[in-house]
Amino acid sequence: MGIFIAFALAGGMAQLVDGTLGMGFGVTSATVLLYLGVAPVTASAATHAAKLPTTFVSGISHWRAGNVDTSVLWRLAVPGMVGGFLGAVVLTNISLASAKSWMSGLLVFFGLVIFAKFGFGASLIPTPRGGHTVRWLAPIGVVGGFVDATGGGGWGPVATPSLMTVTAHEPRKVVGTVNAAEFLVAATVSIAFFTSAAVHDIPWLPVLGLVTGGVIIAPIAARLAGRLPHAPMGTLVGGLVVLVNSVNITAGLGGLPWYADAAGLLSIVGATSYVAYQAWQRERATVGTAALADAELS
């Protein structure tokens, strides 16, 4: 019961982040499962199984809140389903050691993507320029689906900043569209994994906990999209993902002396906390300036 409650809390927090920032549930869930020693293909399969009900409820909640552009949704989701299926096939057919190194490295990268986006307002993923066109939505979907399946997460970090570049939508509508499309991608990836041996080793109790917490929080997160302080939340999530997966990578390489581990962990925690605080200060100043400008216009 304690494991279920712990994972329900983790699922709720991950969905709160994902539903308000447009990224985080898959990356966070896969990171936790990989850290607990779950095989990479099983971790990705479990994460996508957990995503099915959470992304369904989240997508419906965003749709009801008016946060979904259906024309963009289908042009993004269908290529994402293709990329997700291919990614699941690739992950199922590579060795355990290679898969763990790939997934941990990919999760570190996406942790850095989230950290850079919300901590510094920078993007580590090149995003296309030139406005909303169909030709950009398909590549974004294929790449996002592929890395989501092979890394256990990554749909949001690829799709959300890209859509903010190639569409003129406000952030809440981008987040809502990405969340709704994620359900279709997660369903396709789950079907691909469920036809392989990966499903037999899924730790169902933690998955049920992730689902329960995520489903409860999803409607709340949809309502809070655009209202919570995005910058510090995103920065802390990115730093946490980098921290945990860095531990996975060093452990796979034979580990480091305890003092080197301690110094590295403290450095990441300290840097993350400092950048999150600075990002929060900048966001408060920006909101204050915008409110002042609105007051002057009125």
Protein backbone atom coordinates (compact mmCIF):
# COMPACT_ATOMS: atom_id res chain seq x y z
CA MET A 1 0.00 0.00 0.00
CA GLY A 2 2.90 2.34 0.79
CA ILE A 3 4.33 1.82 -2.72
CA PHE A 4 0.94 2.61 -4.26
CA ILE A 5 0.58 5.85 -2.27
CA ALA A 6 4.16 6.93 -3.08
CA PHE A 7 3.61 6.41 -6.80
CA ALA A 8 0.18 8.07 -6.67
CA LEU A 9 1.83 11.17 -5.20
CA ALA A 10 4.58 10.99 -7.84
CA GLY A 11 1.97 10.57 -10.60
CA GLY A 12 -0.03 13.52 -9.30
CA MET A 13 3.02 15.78 -9.20
CA ALA A 14 4.18 14.62 -12.64
CA GLN A 15 0.73 15.28 -14.12
CA LEU A 16 0.53 18.69 -12.46
CA VAL A 17 3.80 19.60 -14.19
CA ASP A 18 2.79 18.01 -17.50
CA GLY A 19 -0.71 19.51 -17.55
CA THR A 20 0.53 23.04 -16.86
CA LEU A 21 3.88 23.07 -18.69
CA GLY A 22 3.12 20.68 -21.57
CA MET A 23 5.93 18.28 -20.63
CA GLY A 24 7.20 16.18 -17.76
CA PHE A 25 4.95 13.16 -17.04
CA GLY A 26 6.74 10.61 -19.23
CA VAL A 27 10.24 11.90 -18.50
CA THR A 28 9.59 11.93 -14.73
CA SER A 29 7.86 8.53 -14.61
CA ALA A 30 10.48 6.78 -16.75
CA THR A 31 13.24 8.32 -14.64
CA VAL A 32 11.74 6.93 -11.41
CA LEU A 33 11.18 3.44 -12.87
CA LEU A 34 14.66 3.29 -14.39
CA TYR A 35 16.19 4.37 -11.07
CA LEU A 36 14.34 1.51 -9.34
CA GLY A 37 16.05 -0.97 -11.65
CA VAL A 38 13.23 -1.65 -14.11
CA ALA A 39 14.50 -2.70 -17.56
CA PRO A 40 14.39 0.15 -20.12
CA VAL A 41 11.86 -1.45 -22.47
CA THR A 42 9.65 -2.32 -19.48
CA ALA A 43 10.03 1.18 -18.03
CA SER A 44 8.89 2.72 -21.32
CA ALA A 45 6.02 0.23 -21.64
CA ALA A 46 4.93 0.95 -18.04
CA THR A 47 5.15 4.71 -18.55
CA HIS A 48 3.01 4.56 -21.68
CA ALA A 49 0.50 2.27 -19.95
CA ALA A 50 0.21 4.90 -17.22
CA LYS A 51 -0.11 7.63 -19.84
CA LEU A 52 -3.21 6.10 -21.44
CA PRO A 53 -5.77 7.13 -18.78
CA THR A 54 -3.88 10.23 -17.64
CA THR A 55 -3.47 11.68 -21.14
CA PHE A 56 -7.07 10.78 -21.99
CA VAL A 57 -8.43 12.67 -18.98
CA SER A 58 -5.94 15.50 -19.52
CA GLY A 59 -6.84 15.81 -23.21
CA ILE A 60 -10.58 15.87 -22.49
CA SER A 61 -10.05 18.42 -19.71
CA HIS A 62 -8.02 20.69 -21.99
CA TRP A 63 -10.60 20.31 -24.77
CA ARG A 64 -13.40 21.30 -22.41
CA ALA A 65 -11.33 24.29 -21.27
CA GLY A 66 -10.93 25.41 -24.92
CA ASN A 67 -7.20 24.66 -24.99
CA VAL A 68 -7.14 22.33 -28.05
CA ASP A 69 -6.76 23.21 -31.75
CA THR A 70 -8.21 20.12 -33.49
CA SER A 71 -6.70 20.91 -36.90
CA VAL A 72 -3.19 21.02 -35.43
CA LEU A 73 -3.99 18.04 -33.19
CA TRP A 74 -4.48 15.56 -36.04
CA ARG A 75 -1.59 16.88 -38.14
CA LEU A 76 0.69 16.39 -35.15
CA ALA A 77 -0.74 13.20 -33.66
CA VAL A 78 -0.82 10.96 -36.76
CA PRO A 79 2.91 11.39 -37.57
CA GLY A 80 3.57 11.06 -33.82
CA MET A 81 1.84 7.67 -33.83
CA VAL A 82 4.07 6.52 -36.70
CA GLY A 83 7.22 7.69 -34.94
CA GLY A 84 6.11 6.16 -31.65
CA PHE A 85 5.48 2.75 -33.22
CA LEU A 86 8.90 2.77 -34.88
CA GLY A 87 10.57 3.81 -31.62
CA ALA A 88 8.91 0.97 -29.70
CA VAL A 89 10.12 -1.55 -32.29
CA VAL A 90 13.68 -0.21 -32.04
CA LEU A 91 13.76 -0.25 -28.23
CA THR A 92 12.35 -3.80 -28.08
CA ASN A 93 15.08 -5.13 -30.36
CA ILE A 94 18.29 -3.70 -28.86
CA SER A 95 20.34 -5.13 -26.00
CA LEU A 96 19.54 -4.35 -22.36
CA ALA A 97 22.84 -2.53 -21.73
CA SER A 98 22.53 -0.43 -24.88
CA ALA A 99 18.90 0.37 -24.12
CA LYS A 100 19.66 1.52 -20.57
CA SER A 101 22.52 3.74 -21.70
CA TRP A 102 20.39 5.20 -24.50
CA MET A 103 17.39 5.86 -22.27
CA SER A 104 19.40 7.40 -19.43
CA GLY A 105 21.33 9.61 -21.86
CA LEU A 106 18.14 10.67 -23.62
CA LEU A 107 16.44 11.49 -20.32
CA VAL A 108 19.45 13.59 -19.23
CA PHE A 109 19.20 15.47 -22.53
CA PHE A 110 15.49 16.14 -22.09
CA GLY A 111 16.09 17.15 -18.49
CA LEU A 112 18.57 19.72 -19.82
CA VAL A 113 16.03 20.81 -22.47
CA ILE A 114 13.42 21.47 -19.77
CA PHE A 115 16.01 23.11 -17.48
CA ALA A 116 17.29 25.43 -20.23
CA LYS A 117 13.82 26.36 -21.46
CA PHE A 118 12.40 27.35 -18.10
CA GLY A 119 15.59 28.38 -16.33
CA PHE A 120 17.10 30.54 -19.07
CA GLY A 121 14.41 30.85 -21.75
CA ALA A 122 16.71 29.01 -24.17
CA SER A 123 16.10 26.02 -26.44
CA LEU A 124 18.49 23.09 -26.88
CA ILE A 125 16.25 21.64 -29.61
CA PRO A 126 16.43 23.45 -32.96
CA THR A 127 12.89 24.49 -33.85
CA PRO A 128 11.69 25.42 -37.34
CA ARG A 129 10.91 29.01 -38.20
CA GLY A 130 8.48 30.53 -40.61
CA GLY A 131 5.00 30.08 -39.22
CA HIS A 132 2.34 27.41 -38.96
CA THR A 133 2.56 25.06 -41.95
CA VAL A 134 1.67 21.40 -42.36
CA ARG A 135 5.20 20.53 -43.49
CA TRP A 136 6.63 21.35 -40.04
CA LEU A 137 3.96 19.57 -37.99
CA ALA A 138 4.67 16.13 -39.49
CA PRO A 139 8.44 16.07 -38.75
CA ILE A 140 7.80 17.38 -35.23
CA GLY A 141 5.30 14.57 -34.66
CA VAL A 142 7.54 11.80 -36.04
CA VAL A 143 10.60 12.88 -34.02
CA GLY A 144 8.55 13.46 -30.88
CA GLY A 145 6.88 10.05 -31.11
CA PHE A 146 10.15 8.21 -31.79
CA VAL A 147 12.09 9.69 -28.88
CA ASP A 148 9.05 9.35 -26.60
CA ALA A 149 8.95 5.58 -27.18
CA THR A 150 12.70 4.97 -27.01
CA GLY A 151 13.28 7.26 -24.03
CA GLY A 152 10.12 6.52 -22.04
CA GLY A 153 9.33 10.24 -22.35
CA GLY A 154 10.13 13.14 -24.62
CA TRP A 155 6.92 13.92 -26.48
CA GLY A 156 6.33 17.12 -24.53
CA PRO A 157 9.91 18.47 -24.60
CA VAL A 158 9.97 18.03 -28.40
CA ALA A 159 6.40 18.99 -29.33
CA THR A 160 5.63 21.84 -26.92
CA PRO A 161 8.52 24.23 -27.71
CA SER A 162 8.28 23.37 -31.42
CA LEU A 163 4.56 24.22 -31.57
CA MET A 164 5.23 27.47 -29.75
CA THR A 165 7.55 28.32 -32.64
CA VAL A 166 5.52 27.16 -35.66
CA THR A 167 2.09 28.31 -34.48
CA ALA A 168 0.78 31.63 -33.25
CA HIS A 169 -1.17 30.01 -30.40
CA GLU A 170 -0.92 31.20 -26.81
CA PRO A 171 0.90 28.79 -24.44
CA ARG A 172 -2.23 27.27 -22.87
CA LYS A 173 -3.52 26.22 -26.32
CA VAL A 174 -0.16 24.70 -27.27
CA VAL A 175 -0.05 22.76 -23.98
CA GLY A 176 -3.62 21.55 -24.45
CA THR A 177 -3.06 20.41 -28.05
CA VAL A 178 0.18 18.60 -27.15
CA ASN A 179 -1.52 16.86 -24.21
CA ALA A 180 -4.46 15.73 -26.36
CA ALA A 181 -2.17 14.41 -29.12
CA GLU A 182 -0.11 12.55 -26.53
CA PHE A 183 -3.01 10.20 -25.79
CA LEU A 184 -3.04 8.95 -29.40
CA VAL A 185 0.74 8.56 -29.41
CA ALA A 186 0.70 6.73 -26.06
CA ALA A 187 -2.04 4.36 -27.31
CA THR A 188 0.00 3.45 -30.41
CA VAL A 189 3.22 2.92 -28.42
CA SER A 190 1.36 0.81 -25.85
CA ILE A 191 -0.05 -1.43 -28.59
CA ALA A 192 3.47 -1.92 -29.96
CA PHE A 193 4.86 -2.80 -26.52
CA PHE A 194 1.91 -5.00 -25.57
CA THR A 195 2.60 -7.25 -28.55
CA SER A 196 6.11 -7.90 -27.20
CA ALA A 197 7.43 -9.61 -24.06
CA ALA A 198 7.83 -6.26 -22.29
CA VAL A 199 4.28 -6.31 -20.93
CA HIS A 200 4.92 -9.41 -18.77
CA ASP A 201 7.46 -7.61 -16.56
CA ILE A 202 5.55 -4.36 -15.99
CA PRO A 203 5.34 -3.46 -12.27
CA TRP A 204 1.57 -2.95 -12.23
CA LEU A 205 1.23 -1.61 -8.67
CA PRO A 206 3.50 1.42 -9.33
CA VAL A 207 1.77 1.93 -12.68
CA LEU A 208 -1.63 1.91 -10.98
CA GLY A 209 -0.32 4.47 -8.49
CA LEU A 210 0.94 6.73 -11.30
CA VAL A 211 -2.42 6.42 -13.06
CA THR A 212 -4.47 7.19 -9.96
CA GLY A 213 -2.48 10.29 -9.04
CA GLY A 214 -2.33 11.49 -12.64
CA VAL A 215 -6.06 11.06 -13.31
CA ILE A 216 -7.02 12.92 -10.13
CA ILE A 217 -4.75 15.88 -10.90
CA ALA A 218 -5.30 16.08 -14.70
CA PRO A 219 -8.51 18.19 -14.63
CA ILE A 220 -7.00 20.49 -12.01
CA ALA A 221 -3.82 20.95 -14.06
CA ALA A 222 -5.86 21.82 -17.16
CA ARG A 223 -7.59 24.59 -15.22
CA LEU A 224 -4.28 25.86 -13.85
CA ALA A 225 -2.52 25.95 -17.26
CA GLY A 226 -1.16 29.45 -17.68
CA ARG A 227 -1.72 30.41 -14.02
CA LEU A 228 1.05 28.68 -12.04
CA PRO A 229 4.65 30.00 -12.06
CA HIS A 230 6.04 28.04 -15.01
CA ALA A 231 9.69 29.07 -14.82
CA PRO A 232 10.63 27.75 -11.34
CA MET A 233 8.51 24.60 -11.74
CA GLY A 234 10.07 23.69 -15.08
CA THR A 235 13.58 24.45 -13.85
CA LEU A 236 13.23 22.23 -10.78
CA VAL A 237 11.76 19.35 -12.82
CA GLY A 238 14.56 19.57 -15.39
CA GLY A 239 17.21 19.62 -12.66
CA LEU A 240 15.65 16.61 -10.91
CA VAL A 241 15.58 14.57 -14.13
CA VAL A 242 19.25 15.40 -14.83
CA LEU A 243 20.21 14.51 -11.26
CA VAL A 244 18.54 11.08 -11.13
CA ASN A 245 19.63 9.96 -14.60
CA SER A 246 23.19 11.15 -14.01
CA VAL A 247 23.24 8.79 -11.03
CA ASN A 248 21.97 5.97 -13.30
CA ILE A 249 24.71 6.64 -15.85
CA THR A 250 27.58 6.82 -13.32
CA ALA A 251 26.30 3.64 -11.64
CA GLY A 252 26.29 1.87 -14.99
CA LEU A 253 29.90 2.93 -15.54
CA GLY A 254 30.99 1.42 -12.22
CA GLY A 255 30.14 4.28 -9.91
CA LEU A 256 32.21 7.07 -8.36
CA PRO A 257 33.79 7.47 -4.91
CA TRP A 258 31.22 8.62 -2.32
CA TYR A 259 32.78 12.06 -2.01
CA ALA A 260 32.64 12.60 -5.77
CA ASP A 261 28.98 11.47 -5.78
CA ALA A 262 28.18 13.84 -2.90
CA ALA A 263 29.96 16.77 -4.53
CA GLY A 264 28.20 16.17 -7.85
CA LEU A 265 24.77 15.84 -6.26
CA LEU A 266 25.21 18.96 -4.15
CA SER A 267 26.44 20.91 -7.18
CA ILE A 268 23.40 19.96 -9.27
CA VAL A 269 20.96 20.67 -6.42
CA GLY A 270 22.59 24.01 -5.65
CA ALA A 271 22.74 25.13 -9.28
CA THR A 272 19.15 24.04 -9.91
CA SER A 273 17.85 25.87 -6.84
CA TYR A 274 19.72 29.05 -7.74
CA VAL A 275 18.56 29.07 -11.37
CA ALA A 276 14.97 28.27 -10.32
CA TYR A 277 14.97 31.23 -7.91
CA GLN A 278 16.37 33.57 -10.57
CA ALA A 279 13.80 32.31 -13.10
CA TRP A 280 11.01 32.91 -10.58
CA GLN A 281 12.23 36.47 -10.01
CA ARG A 282 12.31 37.16 -13.77
CA GLU A 283 8.85 35.71 -14.24
CA ARG A 284 7.43 37.83 -11.41
CA ALA A 285 9.03 40.94 -12.89
CA THR A 286 7.63 40.14 -16.34
CA VAL A 287 4.12 39.57 -14.98
CA GLY A 288 4.34 42.78 -12.97
CA THR A 289 5.45 44.79 -16.02
CA ALA A 290 2.62 43.35 -18.14
CA ALA A 291 0.05 44.13 -15.44
CA LEU A 292 1.34 47.70 -15.18
CA ALA A 293 1.13 48.16 -18.96
CA ASP A 294 -2.45 46.86 -18.99
CA ALA A 295 -3.38 49.25 -16.19
CA GLU A 296 -1.92 52.21 -18.11
CA LEU A 297 -3.84 51.25 -21.27
CA SER A 298 -7.10 50.99 -19.39
